[in-house]
Amino acid sequence: RDEPGLITCFLHAPIEFRRAQISAREHISEEEAEKIILKIESKRKEFYEFYTTFKQWGHSTGYDICIDVSKFGIEKSAEFLLNYIELRK
């Protein structure tokens, strides 16, 4: 957090989008995918809130940019983020 030029981003999407993506990628049911999502998300939230001061996981005030990946898809969201980073240089 004290690095000069650090850019913080939060990528998010509705649970339905994430379930479908993981289900297709891992060849598992959407129910299994959701269990994985919830488990990993819980660990990320715990890690984030432990190592940041007075910030809440997923709240926009804790990040430079937040992107809903379901709006553009994964590839276009990555492209969008790279463009953002270039503009910040």
Foldseek 3Di string as FASTA:
>chain_A
DPDPLDFFEAEAAPLVVQLVVCCVVVVHHSVVSSVVVVVVVVVVQVVVPVPDDPDGPPDVVVGPYYYHCVVPHDVVVVVVVVVVSVVSD
